[in-house]
Amino acid sequence: MFRFDTTGWGWIHLILGALAVLVGLSLFKARTWARVVGVGLAGLLLISSFLTLPYYPVWSVVLIAIYGFIIWALCVVQPRDT
Protein backbone atom coordinates (compact mmCIF):
# COMPACT_ATOMS: atom_id res chain seq x y z
CA MET A 1 0.00 0.00 0.00
CA PHE A 2 2.80 2.41 0.72
CA ARG A 3 4.36 2.03 -2.74
CA PHE A 4 2.56 5.08 -4.13
CA ASP A 5 4.61 8.21 -4.25
CA THR A 6 3.14 11.46 -3.00
CA THR A 7 2.00 12.36 -6.52
CA GLY A 8 -0.10 9.19 -6.64
CA TRP A 9 -1.66 9.95 -3.26
CA GLY A 10 -2.32 13.50 -4.45
CA TRP A 11 -4.28 12.25 -7.45
CA ILE A 12 -6.27 9.84 -5.29
CA HIS A 13 -7.20 12.63 -2.88
CA LEU A 14 -8.00 14.99 -5.76
CA ILE A 15 -10.39 12.52 -7.41
CA LEU A 16 -12.10 11.58 -4.15
CA GLY A 17 -12.34 15.26 -3.21
CA ALA A 18 -13.98 16.14 -6.53
CA LEU A 19 -16.53 13.38 -5.97
CA ALA A 20 -17.12 14.69 -2.45
CA VAL A 21 -17.89 18.16 -3.84
CA LEU A 22 -20.44 16.72 -6.26
CA VAL A 23 -22.11 14.72 -3.50
CA GLY A 24 -21.97 17.75 -1.20
CA LEU A 25 -23.92 19.80 -3.72
CA SER A 26 -26.63 17.13 -3.72
CA LEU A 27 -26.77 17.27 0.07
CA PHE A 28 -28.15 20.80 -0.18
CA LYS A 29 -31.24 19.29 -1.80
CA ALA A 30 -31.58 16.77 1.10
CA ARG A 31 -31.24 13.75 -1.11
CA THR A 32 -31.12 10.47 0.81
CA TRP A 33 -28.79 8.86 -1.71
CA ALA A 34 -26.35 11.75 -1.23
CA ARG A 35 -26.18 11.04 2.52
CA VAL A 36 -25.47 7.35 1.89
CA VAL A 37 -22.86 8.06 -0.78
CA GLY A 38 -21.42 10.83 1.41
CA VAL A 39 -20.86 8.42 4.29
CA GLY A 40 -19.20 5.91 1.95
CA LEU A 41 -17.06 8.57 0.34
CA ALA A 42 -16.02 10.03 3.69
CA GLY A 43 -15.09 6.49 4.75
CA LEU A 44 -12.90 6.08 1.68
CA LEU A 45 -11.29 9.46 2.32
CA LEU A 46 -10.71 8.47 5.95
CA ILE A 47 -8.98 5.27 4.86
CA SER A 48 -6.87 7.10 2.29
CA SER A 49 -5.84 9.62 4.95
CA PHE A 50 -4.88 6.75 7.24
CA LEU A 51 -2.68 5.33 4.49
CA THR A 52 -0.89 8.66 4.06
CA LEU A 53 0.14 8.82 7.73
CA PRO A 54 3.81 8.03 6.97
CA TYR A 55 4.01 10.94 4.52
CA TYR A 56 1.97 13.66 6.27
CA PRO A 57 1.36 12.62 9.90
CA VAL A 58 -0.17 15.82 11.31
CA TRP A 59 -2.35 16.61 8.30
CA SER A 60 -3.53 13.00 8.08
CA VAL A 61 -4.64 12.98 11.73
CA VAL A 62 -6.51 16.26 11.23
CA LEU A 63 -8.27 14.88 8.15
CA ILE A 64 -9.15 11.62 9.92
CA ALA A 65 -10.87 13.65 12.67
CA ILE A 66 -12.72 15.80 10.12
CA TYR A 67 -13.90 12.79 8.12
CA GLY A 68 -15.05 11.09 11.32
CA PHE A 69 -17.09 14.17 12.16
CA ILE A 70 -18.57 14.23 8.65
CA ILE A 71 -19.64 10.59 8.94
CA TRP A 72 -21.21 11.29 12.33
CA ALA A 73 -23.02 14.39 11.02
CA LEU A 74 -24.42 12.59 7.98
CA CYS A 75 -25.68 9.72 10.13
CA VAL A 76 -27.49 11.75 12.81
CA VAL A 77 -29.09 14.51 10.72
CA GLN A 78 -32.88 14.61 10.75
CA PRO A 79 -34.27 15.77 7.39
CA ARG A 80 -36.85 18.56 7.52
CA ASP A 81 -40.29 17.99 6.08
CA THR A 82 -40.87 20.52 3.34
PDB file of N, CA and C in Angstrom:
ATOM      1  N   MET A   1       0.802  -1.202   0.000  1.00  0.00           N
ATOM      2  CA  MET A   1       0.000   0.000   0.000  1.00  0.00           C
ATOM      3  C   MET A   1       0.845   1.266   0.000  1.00  0.00           C
ATOM      4  N   PHE A   2       1.991   1.219   0.601  1.00  0.00           N
ATOM      5  CA  PHE A   2       2.803   2.415   0.717  1.00  0.00           C
ATOM      6  C   PHE A   2       3.766   2.574  -0.451  1.00  0.00           C
ATOM      7  N   ARG A   3       3.499   1.907  -1.572  1.00  0.00           N
ATOM      8  CA  ARG A   3       4.363   2.033  -2.738  1.00  0.00           C
ATOM      9  C   ARG A   3       4.050   3.256  -3.585  1.00  0.00           C
ATOM     10  N   PHE A   4       2.879   3.867  -3.387  1.00  0.00           N
ATOM     11  CA  PHE A   4       2.557   5.078  -4.130  1.00  0.00           C
ATOM     12  C   PHE A   4       3.491   6.194  -3.697  1.00  0.00           C
ATOM     13  N   ASP A   5       3.877   7.007  -4.637  1.00  0.00           N
ATOM     14  CA  ASP A   5       4.609   8.205  -4.248  1.00  0.00           C
ATOM     15  C   ASP A   5       3.597   9.283  -3.872  1.00  0.00           C
ATOM     16  N   THR A   6       4.069  10.413  -3.437  1.00  0.00           N
ATOM     17  CA  THR A   6       3.141  11.457  -3.001  1.00  0.00           C
ATOM     18  C   THR A   6       2.305  12.010  -4.151  1.00  0.00           C
ATOM     19  N   THR A   7       2.803  11.929  -5.370  1.00  0.00           N
ATOM     20  CA  THR A   7       2.003  12.359  -6.519  1.00  0.00           C
ATOM     21  C   THR A   7       0.799  11.436  -6.706  1.00  0.00           C
ATOM     22  N   GLY A   8       1.004  10.145  -6.541  1.00  0.00           N
ATOM     23  CA  GLY A   8      -0.099   9.187  -6.640  1.00  0.00           C
ATOM     24  C   GLY A   8      -1.154   9.423  -5.573  1.00  0.00           C
ATOM     25  N   TRP A   9      -0.712   9.660  -4.333  1.00  0.00           N
ATOM     26  CA  TRP A   9      -1.660   9.950  -3.262  1.00  0.00           C
ATOM     27  C   TRP A   9      -2.382  11.266  -3.530  1.00  0.00           C
ATOM     28  N   GLY A  10      -1.681  12.229  -4.118  1.00  0.00           N
ATOM     29  CA  GLY A  10      -2.324  13.496  -4.446  1.00  0.00           C
ATOM     30  C   GLY A  10      -3.445  13.319  -5.445  1.00  0.00           C
ATOM     31  N   TRP A  11      -3.231  12.500  -6.460  1.00  0.00           N
ATOM     32  CA  TRP A  11      -4.276  12.247  -7.454  1.00  0.00           C
ATOM     33  C   TRP A  11      -5.458  11.517  -6.834  1.00  0.00           C
ATOM     34  N   ILE A  12      -5.176  10.564  -5.950  1.00  0.00           N
ATOM     35  CA  ILE A  12      -6.267   9.837  -5.289  1.00  0.00           C
ATOM     36  C   ILE A  12      -7.112  10.807  -4.463  1.00  0.00           C
ATOM     37  N   HIS A  13      -6.457  11.664  -3.692  1.00  0.00           N
ATOM     38  CA  HIS A  13      -7.196  12.634  -2.880  1.00  0.00           C
ATOM     39  C   HIS A  13      -7.936  13.645  -3.757  1.00  0.00           C
ATOM     40  N   LEU A  14      -7.356  14.035  -4.862  1.00  0.00           N
ATOM     41  CA  LEU A  14      -8.005  14.993  -5.760  1.00  0.00           C
ATOM     42  C   LEU A  14      -9.273  14.404  -6.371  1.00  0.00           C
ATOM     43  N   ILE A  15      -9.212  13.171  -6.819  1.00  0.00           N
ATOM     44  CA  ILE A  15     -10.387  12.522  -7.414  1.00  0.00           C
ATOM     45  C   ILE A  15     -11.481  12.303  -6.378  1.00  0.00           C
ATOM     46  N   LEU A  16     -11.104  11.790  -5.198  1.00  0.00           N
ATOM     47  CA  LEU A  16     -12.102  11.577  -4.145  1.00  0.00           C
ATOM     48  C   LEU A  16     -12.676  12.908  -3.665  1.00  0.00           C
ATOM     49  N   GLY A  17     -11.854  13.941  -3.614  1.00  0.00           N
ATOM     50  CA  GLY A  17     -12.339  15.258  -3.211  1.00  0.00           C
ATOM     51  C   GLY A  17     -13.320  15.847  -4.210  1.00  0.00           C
ATOM     52  N   ALA A  18     -13.055  15.655  -5.496  1.00  0.00           N
ATOM     53  CA  ALA A  18     -13.977  16.138  -6.526  1.00  0.00           C
ATOM     54  C   ALA A  18     -15.317  15.415  -6.424  1.00  0.00           C
ATOM     55  N   LEU A  19     -15.285  14.122  -6.173  1.00  0.00           N
ATOM     56  CA  LEU A  19     -16.529  13.378  -5.969  1.00  0.00           C
ATOM     57  C   LEU A  19     -17.265  13.870  -4.725  1.00  0.00           C
ATOM     58  N   ALA A  20     -16.513  14.191  -3.682  1.00  0.00           N
ATOM     59  CA  ALA A  20     -17.124  14.693  -2.451  1.00  0.00           C
ATOM     60  C   ALA A  20     -17.819  16.034  -2.690  1.00  0.00           C
ATOM     61  N   VAL A  21     -17.250  16.878  -3.524  1.00  0.00           N
ATOM     62  CA  VAL A  21     -17.887  18.165  -3.836  1.00  0.00           C
ATOM     63  C   VAL A  21     -19.201  17.930  -4.572  1.00  0.00           C
ATOM     64  N   LEU A  22     -19.206  17.017  -5.522  1.00  0.00           N
ATOM     65  CA  LEU A  22     -20.440  16.723  -6.259  1.00  0.00           C
ATOM     66  C   LEU A  22     -21.525  16.171  -5.341  1.00  0.00           C
ATOM     67  N   VAL A  23     -21.144  15.273  -4.449  1.00  0.00           N
ATOM     68  CA  VAL A  23     -22.112  14.716  -3.501  1.00  0.00           C
ATOM     69  C   VAL A  23     -22.556  15.800  -2.523  1.00  0.00           C
ATOM     70  N   GLY A  24     -21.631  16.664  -2.109  1.00  0.00           N
ATOM     71  CA  GLY A  24     -21.970  17.752  -1.199  1.00  0.00           C
ATOM     72  C   GLY A  24     -22.999  18.701  -1.784  1.00  0.00           C
ATOM     73  N   LEU A  25     -22.912  18.956  -3.078  1.00  0.00           N
ATOM     74  CA  LEU A  25     -23.916  19.801  -3.724  1.00  0.00           C
ATOM     75  C   LEU A  25     -25.296  19.151  -3.688  1.00  0.00           C
ATOM     76  N   SER A  26     -25.343  17.837  -3.806  1.00  0.00           N
ATOM     77  CA  SER A  26     -26.628  17.134  -3.724  1.00  0.00           C
ATOM     78  C   SER A  26     -27.170  17.110  -2.304  1.00  0.00           C
ATOM     79  N   LEU A  27     -26.299  17.229  -1.314  1.00  0.00           N
ATOM     80  CA  LEU A  27     -26.771  17.265   0.072  1.00  0.00           C
ATOM     81  C   LEU A  27     -27.594  18.513   0.361  1.00  0.00           C
ATOM     82  N   PHE A  28     -27.354  19.599  -0.373  1.00  0.00           N
ATOM     83  CA  PHE A  28     -28.146  20.803  -0.179  1.00  0.00           C
ATOM     84  C   PHE A  28     -29.605  20.592  -0.574  1.00  0.00           C
ATOM     85  N   LYS A  29     -29.867  19.595  -1.403  1.00  0.00           N
ATOM     86  CA  LYS A  29     -31.241  19.289  -1.800  1.00  0.00           C
ATOM     87  C   LYS A  29     -31.838  18.179  -0.942  1.00  0.00           C
ATOM     88  N   ALA A  30     -31.126  17.779   0.122  1.00  0.00           N
ATOM     89  CA  ALA A  30     -31.576  16.775   1.102  1.00  0.00           C
ATOM     90  C   ALA A  30     -31.901  15.441   0.440  1.00  0.00           C
ATOM     91  N   ARG A  31     -31.063  15.036  -0.456  1.00  0.00           N
ATOM     92  CA  ARG A  31     -31.240  13.746  -1.114  1.00  0.00           C
ATOM     93  C   ARG A  31     -30.729  12.626  -0.208  1.00  0.00           C
ATOM     94  N   THR A  32     -31.528  11.585  -0.044  1.00  0.00           N
ATOM     95  CA  THR A  32     -31.123  10.466   0.808  1.00  0.00           C
ATOM     96  C   THR A  32     -29.927   9.735   0.215  1.00  0.00           C
ATOM     97  N   TRP A  33     -29.912   9.574  -1.092  1.00  0.00           N
ATOM     98  CA  TRP A  33     -28.793   8.861  -1.711  1.00  0.00           C
ATOM     99  C   TRP A  33     -27.482   9.614  -1.508  1.00  0.00           C
ATOM    100  N   ALA A  34     -27.562  10.949  -1.422  1.00  0.00           N
ATOM    101  CA  ALA A  34     -26.355  11.748  -1.228  1.00  0.00           C
ATOM    102  C   ALA A  34     -25.786  11.531   0.173  1.00  0.00           C
ATOM    103  N   ARG A  35     -26.664  11.328   1.170  1.00  0.00           N
ATOM    104  CA  ARG A  35     -26.175  11.035   2.516  1.00  0.00           C
ATOM    105  C   ARG A  35     -25.480   9.685   2.554  1.00  0.00           C
ATOM    106  N   VAL A  36     -26.067   8.693   1.899  1.00  0.00           N
ATOM    107  CA  VAL A  36     -25.473   7.349   1.890  1.00  0.00           C
ATOM    108  C   VAL A  36     -24.134   7.369   1.158  1.00  0.00           C
ATOM    109  N   VAL A  37     -24.112   7.977  -0.022  1.00  0.00           N
ATOM    110  CA  VAL A  37     -22.864   8.065  -0.785  1.00  0.00           C
ATOM    111  C   VAL A  37     -21.846   8.931  -0.042  1.00  0.00           C
ATOM    112  N   GLY A  38     -22.306   9.968   0.638  1.00  0.00           N
ATOM    113  CA  GLY A  38     -21.416  10.826   1.408  1.00  0.00           C
ATOM    114  C   GLY A  38     -20.730  10.082   2.537  1.00  0.00           C
ATOM    115  N   VAL A  39     -21.465   9.220   3.224  1.00  0.00           N
ATOM    116  CA  VAL A  39     -20.861   8.417   4.293  1.00  0.00           C
ATOM    117  C   VAL A  39     -19.825   7.463   3.709  1.00  0.00           C
ATOM    118  N   GLY A  40     -20.159   6.822   2.596  1.00  0.00           N
ATOM    119  CA  GLY A  40     -19.201   5.908   1.954  1.00  0.00           C
ATOM    120  C   GLY A  40     -17.963   6.637   1.451  1.00  0.00           C
ATOM    121  N   LEU A  41     -18.176   7.788   0.864  1.00  0.00           N
ATOM    122  CA  LEU A  41     -17.056   8.567   0.340  1.00  0.00           C
ATOM    123  C   LEU A  41     -16.180   9.103   1.468  1.00  0.00           C
ATOM    124  N   ALA A  42     -16.800   9.570   2.537  1.00  0.00           N
ATOM    125  CA  ALA A  42     -16.021  10.029   3.690  1.00  0.00           C
ATOM    126  C   ALA A  42     -15.243   8.870   4.299  1.00  0.00           C
ATOM    127  N   GLY A  43     -15.820   7.673   4.276  1.00  0.00           N
ATOM    128  CA  GLY A  43     -15.095   6.494   4.752  1.00  0.00           C
ATOM    129  C   GLY A  43     -13.878   6.197   3.893  1.00  0.00           C
ATOM    130  N   LEU A  44     -14.047   6.291   2.572  1.00  0.00           N
ATOM    131  CA  LEU A  44     -12.898   6.083   1.677  1.00  0.00           C
ATOM    132  C   LEU A  44     -11.827   7.144   1.891  1.00  0.00           C
ATOM    133  N   LEU A  45     -12.249   8.382   2.063  1.00  0.00           N
ATOM    134  CA  LEU A  45     -11.291   9.456   2.318  1.00  0.00           C
ATOM    135  C   LEU A  45     -10.588   9.256   3.658  1.00  0.00           C
ATOM    136  N   LEU A  46     -11.315   8.755   4.653  1.00  0.00           N
ATOM    137  CA  LEU A  46     -10.711   8.470   5.946  1.00  0.00           C
ATOM    138  C   LEU A  46      -9.634   7.392   5.813  1.00  0.00           C
ATOM    139  N   ILE A  47      -9.950   6.351   5.071  1.00  0.00           N
ATOM    140  CA  ILE A  47      -8.977   5.272   4.856  1.00  0.00           C
ATOM    141  C   ILE A  47      -7.766   5.781   4.079  1.00  0.00           C
ATOM    142  N   SER A  48      -8.001   6.586   3.056  1.00  0.00           N
ATOM    143  CA  SER A  48      -6.865   7.100   2.294  1.00  0.00           C
ATOM    144  C   SER A  48      -6.004   8.035   3.135  1.00  0.00           C
ATOM    145  N   SER A  49      -6.626   8.774   4.046  1.00  0.00           N
ATOM    146  CA  SER A  49      -5.837   9.617   4.947  1.00  0.00           C
ATOM    147  C   SER A  49      -5.037   8.765   5.923  1.00  0.00           C
ATOM    148  N   PHE A  50      -5.615   7.666   6.364  1.00  0.00           N
ATOM    149  CA  PHE A  50      -4.881   6.752   7.241  1.00  0.00           C
ATOM    150  C   PHE A  50      -3.658   6.184   6.531  1.00  0.00           C
ATOM    151  N   LEU A  51      -3.802   5.903   5.246  1.00  0.00           N
ATOM    152  CA  LEU A  51      -2.683   5.332   4.494  1.00  0.00           C
ATOM    153  C   LEU A  51      -1.601   6.356   4.175  1.00  0.00           C
ATOM    154  N   THR A  52      -1.907   7.636   4.296  1.00  0.00           N
ATOM    155  CA  THR A  52      -0.886   8.664   4.062  1.00  0.00           C
ATOM    156  C   THR A  52      -0.216   9.121   5.350  1.00  0.00           C
ATOM    157  N   LEU A  53      -0.488   8.453   6.460  1.00  0.00           N
ATOM    158  CA  LEU A  53       0.138   8.823   7.732  1.00  0.00           C
ATOM    159  C   LEU A  53       1.663   8.873   7.679  1.00  0.00           C
ATOM    160  N   PRO A  54       2.344   7.937   6.989  1.00  0.00           N
ATOM    161  CA  PRO A  54       3.808   8.028   6.968  1.00  0.00           C
ATOM    162  C   PRO A  54       4.337   9.261   6.237  1.00  0.00           C
ATOM    163  N   TYR A  55       3.563   9.800   5.312  1.00  0.00           N
ATOM    164  CA  TYR A  55       4.008  10.938   4.521  1.00  0.00           C
ATOM    165  C   TYR A  55       3.682  12.268   5.184  1.00  0.00           C
ATOM    166  N   TYR A  56       2.454  12.410   5.671  1.00  0.00           N
ATOM    167  CA  TYR A  56       1.971  13.657   6.270  1.00  0.00           C
ATOM    168  C   TYR A  56       1.267  13.333   7.591  1.00  0.00           C
ATOM    169  N   PRO A  57       1.997  13.107   8.669  1.00  0.00           N
ATOM    170  CA  PRO A  57       1.357  12.620   9.900  1.00  0.00           C
ATOM    171  C   PRO A  57       0.369  13.602  10.529  1.00  0.00           C
ATOM    172  N   VAL A  58       0.718  14.872  10.644  1.00  0.00           N
ATOM    173  CA  VAL A  58      -0.173  15.823  11.314  1.00  0.00           C
ATOM    174  C   VAL A  58      -1.416  16.074  10.466  1.00  0.00           C
ATOM    175  N   TRP A  59      -1.219  16.334   9.186  1.00  0.00           N
ATOM    176  CA  TRP A  59      -2.346  16.613   8.300  1.00  0.00           C
ATOM    177  C   TRP A  59      -3.267  15.399   8.187  1.00  0.00           C
ATOM    178  N   SER A  60      -2.709  14.204   8.171  1.00  0.00           N
ATOM    179  CA  SER A  60      -3.532  12.997   8.083  1.00  0.00           C
ATOM    180  C   SER A  60      -4.397  12.830   9.321  1.00  0.00           C
ATOM    181  N   VAL A  61      -3.852  13.097  10.502  1.00  0.00           N
ATOM    182  CA  VAL A  61      -4.642  12.978  11.731  1.00  0.00           C
ATOM    183  C   VAL A  61      -5.759  14.014  11.751  1.00  0.00           C
ATOM    184  N   VAL A  62      -5.480  15.222  11.296  1.00  0.00           N
ATOM    185  CA  VAL A  62      -6.512  16.264  11.229  1.00  0.00           C
ATOM    186  C   VAL A  62      -7.626  15.826  10.280  1.00  0.00           C
ATOM    187  N   LEU A  63      -7.256  15.320   9.115  1.00  0.00           N
ATOM    188  CA  LEU A  63      -8.270  14.883   8.146  1.00  0.00           C
ATOM    189  C   LEU A  63      -9.069  13.694   8.657  1.00  0.00           C
ATOM    190  N   ILE A  64      -8.433  12.765   9.352  1.00  0.00           N
ATOM    191  CA  ILE A  64      -9.154  11.623   9.919  1.00  0.00           C
ATOM    192  C   ILE A  64     -10.221  12.119  10.896  1.00  0.00           C
ATOM    193  N   ALA A  65      -9.884  13.093  11.733  1.00  0.00           N
ATOM    194  CA  ALA A  65     -10.866  13.652  12.667  1.00  0.00           C
ATOM    195  C   ALA A  65     -12.004  14.346  11.925  1.00  0.00           C
ATOM    196  N   ILE A  66     -11.687  15.101  10.887  1.00  0.00           N
ATOM    197  CA  ILE A  66     -12.722  15.800  10.116  1.00  0.00           C
ATOM    198  C   ILE A  66     -13.643  14.800   9.420  1.00  0.00           C
ATOM    199  N   TYR A  67     -13.065  13.780   8.801  1.00  0.00           N
ATOM    200  CA  TYR A  67     -13.900  12.793   8.115  1.00  0.00           C
ATOM    201  C   TYR A  67     -14.759  12.006   9.097  1.00  0.00           C
ATOM    202  N   GLY A  68     -14.236  11.739  10.286  1.00  0.00           N
ATOM    203  CA  GLY A  68     -15.048  11.088  11.316  1.00  0.00           C
ATOM    204  C   GLY A  68     -16.228  11.950  11.714  1.00  0.00           C
ATOM    205  N   PHE A  69     -16.001  13.253  11.845  1.00  0.00           N
ATOM    206  CA  PHE A  69     -17.089  14.172  12.162  1.00  0.00           C
ATOM    207  C   PHE A  69     -18.112  14.225  11.035  1.00  0.00           C
ATOM    208  N   ILE A  70     -17.661  14.214   9.790  1.00  0.00           N
ATOM    209  CA  ILE A  70     -18.574  14.233   8.647  1.00  0.00           C
ATOM    210  C   ILE A  70     -19.453  12.990   8.640  1.00  0.00           C
ATOM    211  N   ILE A  71     -18.857  11.830   8.896  1.00  0.00           N
ATOM    212  CA  ILE A  71     -19.637  10.587   8.944  1.00  0.00           C
ATOM    213  C   ILE A  71     -20.686  10.671  10.047  1.00  0.00           C
ATOM    214  N   TRP A  72     -20.266  11.149  11.222  1.00  0.00           N
ATOM    215  CA  TRP A  72     -21.213  11.290  12.329  1.00  0.00           C
ATOM    216  C   TRP A  72     -22.345  12.240  11.951  1.00  0.00           C
ATOM    217  N   ALA A  73     -22.010  13.385  11.363  1.00  0.00           N
ATOM    218  CA  ALA A  73     -23.019  14.388  11.020  1.00  0.00           C
ATOM    219  C   ALA A  73     -24.009  13.868   9.986  1.00  0.00           C
ATOM    220  N   LEU A  74     -23.518  13.119   9.004  1.00  0.00           N
ATOM    221  CA  LEU A  74     -24.420  12.595   7.976  1.00  0.00           C
ATOM    222  C   LEU A  74     -25.323  11.494   8.522  1.00  0.00           C
ATOM    223  N   CYS A  75     -24.885  10.812   9.571  1.00  0.00           N
ATOM    224  CA  CYS A  75     -25.680   9.719  10.126  1.00  0.00           C
ATOM    225  C   CYS A  75     -26.738  10.200  11.102  1.00  0.00           C
ATOM    226  N   VAL A  76     -26.542  11.317  11.772  1.00  0.00           N
ATOM    227  CA  VAL A  76     -27.489  11.750  12.807  1.00  0.00           C
ATOM    228  C   VAL A  76     -28.433  12.858  12.353  1.00  0.00           C
ATOM    229  N   VAL A  77     -28.249  13.402  11.166  1.00  0.00           N
ATOM    230  CA  VAL A  77     -29.088  14.511  10.720  1.00  0.00           C
ATOM    231  C   VAL A  77     -30.539  14.030  10.545  1.00  0.00           C
ATOM    232  N   GLN A  78     -31.465  14.890  10.922  1.00  0.00           N
ATOM    233  CA  GLN A  78     -32.884  14.614  10.746  1.00  0.00           C
ATOM    234  C   GLN A  78     -33.396  15.509   9.623  1.00  0.00           C
ATOM    235  N   PRO A  79     -33.807  14.926   8.506  1.00  0.00           N
ATOM    236  CA  PRO A  79     -34.270  15.766   7.395  1.00  0.00           C
ATOM    237  C   PRO A  79     -35.565  16.501   7.752  1.00  0.00           C
ATOM    238  N   ARG A  80     -35.648  17.759   7.285  1.00  0.00           N
ATOM    239  CA  ARG A  80     -36.851  18.557   7.518  1.00  0.00           C
ATOM    240  C   ARG A  80     -37.933  18.151   6.537  1.00  0.00           C
ATOM    241  N   ASP A  81     -39.155  18.220   6.987  1.00  0.00           N
ATOM    242  CA  ASP A  81     -40.292  17.987   6.083  1.00  0.00           C
ATOM    243  C   ASP A  81     -40.621  19.294   5.399  1.00  0.00           C
ATOM    244  N   THR A  82     -40.579  19.284   4.070  1.00  0.00           N
ATOM    245  CA  THR A  82     -40.868  20.517   3.336  1.00  0.00           C
ATOM    246  C   THR A  82     -42.161  20.417   2.582  1.00  0.00           C
TER     247      THR A  82
END
